[in-house]
PDB file of N, CA and C in Angstrom:
ATOM      1  N   UNK A   1    -145.636   1.320 115.055  1.00  0.00           N
ATOM      2  CA  UNK A   1    -145.883   1.915 113.762  1.00  0.00           C
ATOM      3  C   UNK A   1    -144.812   2.971 113.489  1.00  0.00           C
ATOM      4  N   UNK A   2    -144.324   3.002 112.286  1.00  0.00           N
ATOM      5  CA  UNK A   2    -143.317   4.008 111.957  1.00  0.00           C
ATOM      6  C   UNK A   2    -143.897   5.422 112.029  1.00  0.00           C
ATOM      7  N   UNK A   3    -143.048   6.378 112.342  1.00  0.00           N
ATOM      8  CA  UNK A   3    -143.514   7.760 112.480  1.00  0.00           C
ATOM      9  C   UNK A   3    -143.972   8.364 111.154  1.00  0.00           C
ATOM     10  N   UNK A   4    -143.572   7.764 110.033  1.00  0.00           N
ATOM     11  CA  UNK A   4    -144.011   8.289 108.738  1.00  0.00           C
ATOM     12  C   UNK A   4    -145.279   7.596 108.229  1.00  0.00           C
ATOM     13  N   UNK A   5    -145.918   6.793 109.074  1.00  0.00           N
ATOM     14  CA  UNK A   5    -147.156   6.127 108.676  1.00  0.00           C
ATOM     15  C   UNK A   5    -148.283   7.157 108.601  1.00  0.00           C
ATOM     16  N   UNK A   6    -149.363   6.834 107.894  1.00  0.00           N
ATOM     17  CA  UNK A   6    -150.448   7.809 107.729  1.00  0.00           C
ATOM     18  C   UNK A   6    -151.328   7.970 108.975  1.00  0.00           C
ATOM     19  N   UNK A   7    -150.952   7.337 110.060  1.00  0.00           N
ATOM     20  CA  UNK A   7    -151.770   7.369 111.271  1.00  0.00           C
ATOM     21  C   UNK A   7    -151.306   8.478 112.212  1.00  0.00           C
ATOM     22  N   UNK A   8    -152.236   8.975 112.995  1.00  0.00           N
ATOM     23  CA  UNK A   8    -151.927  10.088 113.902  1.00  0.00           C
ATOM     24  C   UNK A   8    -150.976   9.651 115.015  1.00  0.00           C
ATOM     25  N   UNK A   9    -150.303  10.638 115.585  1.00  0.00           N
ATOM     26  CA  UNK A   9    -149.436  10.378 116.741  1.00  0.00           C
ATOM     27  C   UNK A   9    -150.247   9.792 117.889  1.00  0.00           C
ATOM     28  N   UNK A  10    -151.482  10.279 118.054  1.00  0.00           N
ATOM     29  CA  UNK A  10    -152.332   9.788 119.141  1.00  0.00           C
ATOM     30  C   UNK A  10    -152.659   8.303 118.968  1.00  0.00           C
ATOM     31  N   UNK A  11    -152.957   7.881 117.734  1.00  0.00           N
ATOM     32  CA  UNK A  11    -153.243   6.464 117.489  1.00  0.00           C
ATOM     33  C   UNK A  11    -151.990   5.627 117.699  1.00  0.00           C
ATOM     34  N   UNK A  12    -150.857   6.087 117.185  1.00  0.00           N
ATOM     35  CA  UNK A  12    -149.618   5.328 117.357  1.00  0.00           C
ATOM     36  C   UNK A  12    -149.271   5.181 118.834  1.00  0.00           C
ATOM     37  N   UNK A  13    -149.480   6.224 119.605  1.00  0.00           N
ATOM     38  CA  UNK A  13    -149.213   6.170 121.041  1.00  0.00           C
ATOM     39  C   UNK A  13    -150.161   5.187 121.731  1.00  0.00           C
ATOM     40  N   UNK A  14    -151.438   5.219 121.350  1.00  0.00           N
ATOM     41  CA  UNK A  14    -152.435   4.306 121.919  1.00  0.00           C
ATOM     42  C   UNK A  14    -152.055   2.849 121.641  1.00  0.00           C
ATOM     43  N   UNK A  15    -151.704   2.558 120.393  1.00  0.00           N
ATOM     44  CA  UNK A  15    -151.313   1.195 120.011  1.00  0.00           C
ATOM     45  C   UNK A  15    -150.066   0.771 120.778  1.00  0.00           C
ATOM     46  N   UNK A  16    -149.093   1.645 120.875  1.00  0.00           N
ATOM     47  CA  UNK A  16    -147.864   1.324 121.616  1.00  0.00           C
ATOM     48  C   UNK A  16    -148.180   1.018 123.077  1.00  0.00           C
ATOM     49  N   UNK A  17    -149.078   1.797 123.681  1.00  0.00           N
ATOM     50  CA  UNK A  17    -149.473   1.549 125.075  1.00  0.00           C
ATOM     51  C   UNK A  17    -150.152   0.189 125.233  1.00  0.00           C
ATOM     52  N   UNK A  18    -150.925  -0.214 124.242  1.00  0.00           N
ATOM     53  CA  UNK A  18    -151.630  -1.507 124.290  1.00  0.00           C
ATOM     54  C   UNK A  18    -150.683  -2.690 124.113  1.00  0.00           C
ATOM     55  N   UNK A  19    -149.591  -2.490 123.394  1.00  0.00           N
ATOM     56  CA  UNK A  19    -148.722  -3.600 123.006  1.00  0.00           C
ATOM     57  C   UNK A  19    -147.489  -3.783 123.882  1.00  0.00           C
ATOM     58  N   UNK A  20    -147.440  -3.121 125.012  1.00  0.00           N
ATOM     59  CA  UNK A  20    -146.318  -3.313 125.931  1.00  0.00           C
ATOM     60  C   UNK A  20    -146.376  -4.752 126.438  1.00  0.00           C
ATOM     61  N   UNK A  21    -145.306  -5.524 126.237  1.00  0.00           N
ATOM     62  CA  UNK A  21    -145.308  -6.946 126.599  1.00  0.00           C
ATOM     63  C   UNK A  21    -145.413  -7.181 128.097  1.00  0.00           C
ATOM     64  N   UNK A  22    -144.714  -6.397 128.882  1.00  0.00           N
ATOM     65  CA  UNK A  22    -144.730  -6.566 130.337  1.00  0.00           C
ATOM     66  C   UNK A  22    -146.045  -6.017 130.877  1.00  0.00           C
ATOM     67  N   UNK A  23    -146.911  -6.917 131.320  1.00  0.00           N
ATOM     68  CA  UNK A  23    -148.244  -6.482 131.752  1.00  0.00           C
ATOM     69  C   UNK A  23    -148.209  -5.538 132.947  1.00  0.00           C
ATOM     70  N   UNK A  24    -147.149  -5.580 133.730  1.00  0.00           N
ATOM     71  CA  UNK A  24    -147.061  -4.658 134.866  1.00  0.00           C
ATOM     72  C   UNK A  24    -146.743  -3.234 134.408  1.00  0.00           C
ATOM     73  N   UNK A  25    -146.201  -3.101 133.193  1.00  0.00           N
ATOM     74  CA  UNK A  25    -145.876  -1.784 132.643  1.00  0.00           C
ATOM     75  C   UNK A  25    -146.898  -1.321 131.607  1.00  0.00           C
ATOM     76  N   UNK A  26    -147.778  -2.239 131.185  1.00  0.00           N
ATOM     77  CA  UNK A  26    -148.783  -1.928 130.165  1.00  0.00           C
ATOM     78  C   UNK A  26    -149.865  -1.016 130.750  1.00  0.00           C
ATOM     79  N   UNK A  27    -150.361  -0.106 129.943  1.00  0.00           N
ATOM     80  CA  UNK A  27    -151.422   0.809 130.381  1.00  0.00           C
ATOM     81  C   UNK A  27    -152.681   0.016 130.734  1.00  0.00           C
ATOM     82  N   UNK A  28    -153.334   0.420 131.815  1.00  0.00           N
ATOM     83  CA  UNK A  28    -154.595  -0.235 132.173  1.00  0.00           C
ATOM     84  C   UNK A  28    -155.749   0.438 131.429  1.00  0.00           C
ATOM     85  N   UNK A  29    -156.942  -0.105 131.590  1.00  0.00           N
ATOM     86  CA  UNK A  29    -158.075   0.401 130.820  1.00  0.00           C
ATOM     87  C   UNK A  29    -158.417   1.847 131.163  1.00  0.00           C
ATOM     88  N   UNK A  30    -158.211   2.249 132.396  1.00  0.00           N
ATOM     89  CA  UNK A  30    -158.501   3.634 132.779  1.00  0.00           C
ATOM     90  C   UNK A  30    -157.577   4.586 132.021  1.00  0.00           C
ATOM     91  N   UNK A  31    -156.306   4.257 131.993  1.00  0.00           N
ATOM     92  CA  UNK A  31    -155.334   5.081 131.271  1.00  0.00           C
ATOM     93  C   UNK A  31    -155.660   5.114 129.785  1.00  0.00           C
ATOM     94  N   UNK A  32    -156.014   3.963 129.225  1.00  0.00           N
ATOM     95  CA  UNK A  32    -156.343   3.908 127.799  1.00  0.00           C
ATOM     96  C   UNK A  32    -157.588   4.731 127.486  1.00  0.00           C
ATOM     97  N   UNK A  33    -158.595   4.654 128.343  1.00  0.00           N
ATOM     98  CA  UNK A  33    -159.817   5.426 128.115  1.00  0.00           C
ATOM     99  C   UNK A  33    -159.581   6.933 128.217  1.00  0.00           C
ATOM    100  N   UNK A  34    -158.545   7.327 128.930  1.00  0.00           N
ATOM    101  CA  UNK A  34    -158.225   8.747 129.084  1.00  0.00           C
ATOM    102  C   UNK A  34    -157.235   9.241 128.029  1.00  0.00           C
ATOM    103  N   UNK A  35    -156.824   8.352 127.130  1.00  0.00           N
ATOM    104  CA  UNK A  35    -155.839   8.737 126.114  1.00  0.00           C
ATOM    105  C   UNK A  35    -156.422   9.765 125.140  1.00  0.00           C
ATOM    106  N   UNK A  36    -155.538  10.540 124.523  1.00  0.00           N
ATOM    107  CA  UNK A  36    -155.974  11.544 123.542  1.00  0.00           C
ATOM    108  C   UNK A  36    -156.724  10.891 122.391  1.00  0.00           C
ATOM    109  N   UNK A  37    -156.266   9.710 121.971  1.00  0.00           N
ATOM    110  CA  UNK A  37    -156.911   9.032 120.845  1.00  0.00           C
ATOM    111  C   UNK A  37    -158.362   8.699 121.167  1.00  0.00           C
ATOM    112  N   UNK A  38    -158.619   8.080 122.296  1.00  0.00           N
ATOM    113  CA  UNK A  38    -159.987   7.698 122.663  1.00  0.00           C
ATOM    114  C   UNK A  38    -160.841   8.941 122.902  1.00  0.00           C
ATOM    115  N   UNK A  39    -160.295   9.940 123.551  1.00  0.00           N
ATOM    116  CA  UNK A  39    -161.064  11.161 123.820  1.00  0.00           C
ATOM    117  C   UNK A  39    -161.403  11.921 122.542  1.00  0.00           C
ATOM    118  N   UNK A  40    -160.672  11.669 121.470  1.00  0.00           N
ATOM    119  CA  UNK A  40    -160.934  12.374 120.211  1.00  0.00           C
ATOM    120  C   UNK A  40    -162.046  11.730 119.388  1.00  0.00           C
ATOM    121  N   UNK A  41    -162.509  10.557 119.784  1.00  0.00           N
ATOM    122  CA  UNK A  41    -163.516   9.825 119.014  1.00  0.00           C
ATOM    123  C   UNK A  41    -164.908  10.371 119.322  1.00  0.00           C
ATOM    124  N   UNK A  42    -165.671  10.639 118.281  1.00  0.00           N
ATOM    125  CA  UNK A  42    -167.071  11.035 118.420  1.00  0.00           C
ATOM    126  C   UNK A  42    -167.879   9.739 118.518  1.00  0.00           C
ATOM    127  N   UNK A  43    -168.197   9.335 119.733  1.00  0.00           N
ATOM    128  CA  UNK A  43    -168.796   8.023 119.989  1.00  0.00           C
ATOM    129  C   UNK A  43    -170.115   7.845 119.248  1.00  0.00           C
ATOM    130  N   UNK A  44    -170.972   8.838 119.261  1.00  0.00           N
ATOM    131  CA  UNK A  44    -172.268   8.706 118.586  1.00  0.00           C
ATOM    132  C   UNK A  44    -172.094   8.539 117.081  1.00  0.00           C
ATOM    133  N   UNK A  45    -171.225   9.323 116.490  1.00  0.00           N
ATOM    134  CA  UNK A  45    -170.978   9.222 115.049  1.00  0.00           C
ATOM    135  C   UNK A  45    -170.377   7.866 114.705  1.00  0.00           C
ATOM    136  N   UNK A  46    -169.410   7.416 115.492  1.00  0.00           N
ATOM    137  CA  UNK A  46    -168.751   6.144 115.207  1.00  0.00           C
ATOM    138  C   UNK A  46    -169.688   4.961 115.426  1.00  0.00           C
ATOM    139  N   UNK A  47    -170.619   5.060 116.360  1.00  0.00           N
ATOM    140  CA  UNK A  47    -171.602   3.990 116.568  1.00  0.00           C
ATOM    141  C   UNK A  47    -172.471   3.840 115.326  1.00  0.00           C
ATOM    142  N   UNK A  48    -172.854   4.962 114.741  1.00  0.00           N
ATOM    143  CA  UNK A  48    -173.650   4.925 113.512  1.00  0.00           C
ATOM    144  C   UNK A  48    -172.821   4.335 112.381  1.00  0.00           C
ATOM    145  N   UNK A  49    -171.555   4.747 112.266  1.00  0.00           N
ATOM    146  CA  UNK A  49    -170.678   4.194 111.230  1.00  0.00           C
ATOM    147  C   UNK A  49    -170.510   2.693 111.393  1.00  0.00           C
ATOM    148  N   UNK A  50    -170.381   2.226 112.628  1.00  0.00           N
ATOM    149  CA  UNK A  50    -170.222   0.798 112.884  1.00  0.00           C
ATOM    150  C   UNK A  50    -171.492   0.043 112.511  1.00  0.00           C
ATOM    151  N   UNK A  51    -172.646   0.605 112.860  1.00  0.00           N
ATOM    152  CA  UNK A  51    -173.914  -0.029 112.503  1.00  0.00           C
ATOM    153  C   UNK A  51    -174.050  -0.121 110.986  1.00  0.00           C
ATOM    154  N   UNK A  52    -173.722   0.946 110.279  1.00  0.00           N
ATOM    155  CA  UNK A  52    -173.775   0.933 108.811  1.00  0.00           C
ATOM    156  C   UNK A  52    -172.824  -0.113 108.233  1.00  0.00           C
ATOM    157  N   UNK A  53    -171.645  -0.228 108.820  1.00  0.00           N
ATOM    158  CA  UNK A  53    -170.670  -1.218 108.377  1.00  0.00           C
ATOM    159  C   UNK A  53    -171.248  -2.630 108.487  1.00  0.00           C
ATOM    160  N   UNK A  54    -171.858  -2.951 109.641  1.00  0.00           N
ATOM    161  CA  UNK A  54    -172.422  -4.287 109.826  1.00  0.00           C
ATOM    162  C   UNK A  54    -173.579  -4.552 108.878  1.00  0.00           C
ATOM    163  N   UNK A  55    -174.397  -3.563 108.626  1.00  0.00           N
ATOM    164  CA  UNK A  55    -175.498  -3.739 107.680  1.00  0.00           C
ATOM    165  C   UNK A  55    -174.941  -4.035 106.293  1.00  0.00           C
ATOM    166  N   UNK A  56    -173.899  -3.314 105.886  1.00  0.00           N
ATOM    167  CA  UNK A  56    -173.300  -3.566 104.568  1.00  0.00           C
ATOM    168  C   UNK A  56    -172.684  -4.958 104.495  1.00  0.00           C
ATOM    169  N   UNK A  57    -172.010  -5.372 105.553  1.00  0.00           N
ATOM    170  CA  UNK A  57    -171.329  -6.666 105.551  1.00  0.00           C
ATOM    171  C   UNK A  57    -172.316  -7.819 105.681  1.00  0.00           C
ATOM    172  N   UNK A  58    -173.257  -7.690 106.589  1.00  0.00           N
ATOM    173  CA  UNK A  58    -174.174  -8.785 106.885  1.00  0.00           C
ATOM    174  C   UNK A  58    -175.452  -8.740 106.069  1.00  0.00           C
ATOM    175  N   UNK A  59    -175.711  -7.666 105.395  1.00  0.00           N
ATOM    176  CA  UNK A  59    -176.957  -7.501 104.669  1.00  0.00           C
ATOM    177  C   UNK A  59    -177.971  -6.780 105.536  1.00  0.00           C
ATOM    178  N   UNK A  60    -179.101  -6.472 104.963  1.00  0.00           N
ATOM    179  CA  UNK A  60    -180.092  -5.686 105.697  1.00  0.00           C
ATOM    180  C   UNK A  60    -180.825  -6.498 106.746  1.00  0.00           C
ATOM    181  N   UNK A  61    -180.861  -7.807 106.609  1.00  0.00           N
ATOM    182  CA  UNK A  61    -181.559  -8.651 107.585  1.00  0.00           C
ATOM    183  C   UNK A  61    -180.530  -9.287 108.509  1.00  0.00           C
ATOM    184  N   UNK A  62    -180.203  -8.598 109.584  1.00  0.00           N
ATOM    185  CA  UNK A  62    -179.174  -9.056 110.516  1.00  0.00           C
ATOM    186  C   UNK A  62    -179.643 -10.254 111.342  1.00  0.00           C
ATOM    187  N   UNK A  63    -180.950 -10.465 111.468  1.00  0.00           N
ATOM    188  CA  UNK A  63    -181.478 -11.532 112.328  1.00  0.00           C
ATOM    189  C   UNK A  63    -181.273 -12.930 111.756  1.00  0.00           C
ATOM    190  N   UNK A  64    -180.838 -13.064 110.538  1.00  0.00           N
ATOM    191  CA  UNK A  64    -180.681 -14.406 109.954  1.00  0.00           C
ATOM    192  C   UNK A  64    -179.522 -15.142 110.540  1.00  0.00           C
TER     193      UNK A  64
END
């Protein structure tokens, strides 16, 4: 992502770490989970946002 994109440095760094082609040089899941981007996420708030998103997309009756 270009440095002038509207995304944070932490997100751009996280994405760059995920997209390293050489798997021996790519960040593993432990490193990714310890990244500034992941540590900055409010998990409880985002879980609620994700649930609301699915309800809006799928409708109120998710069991169908």
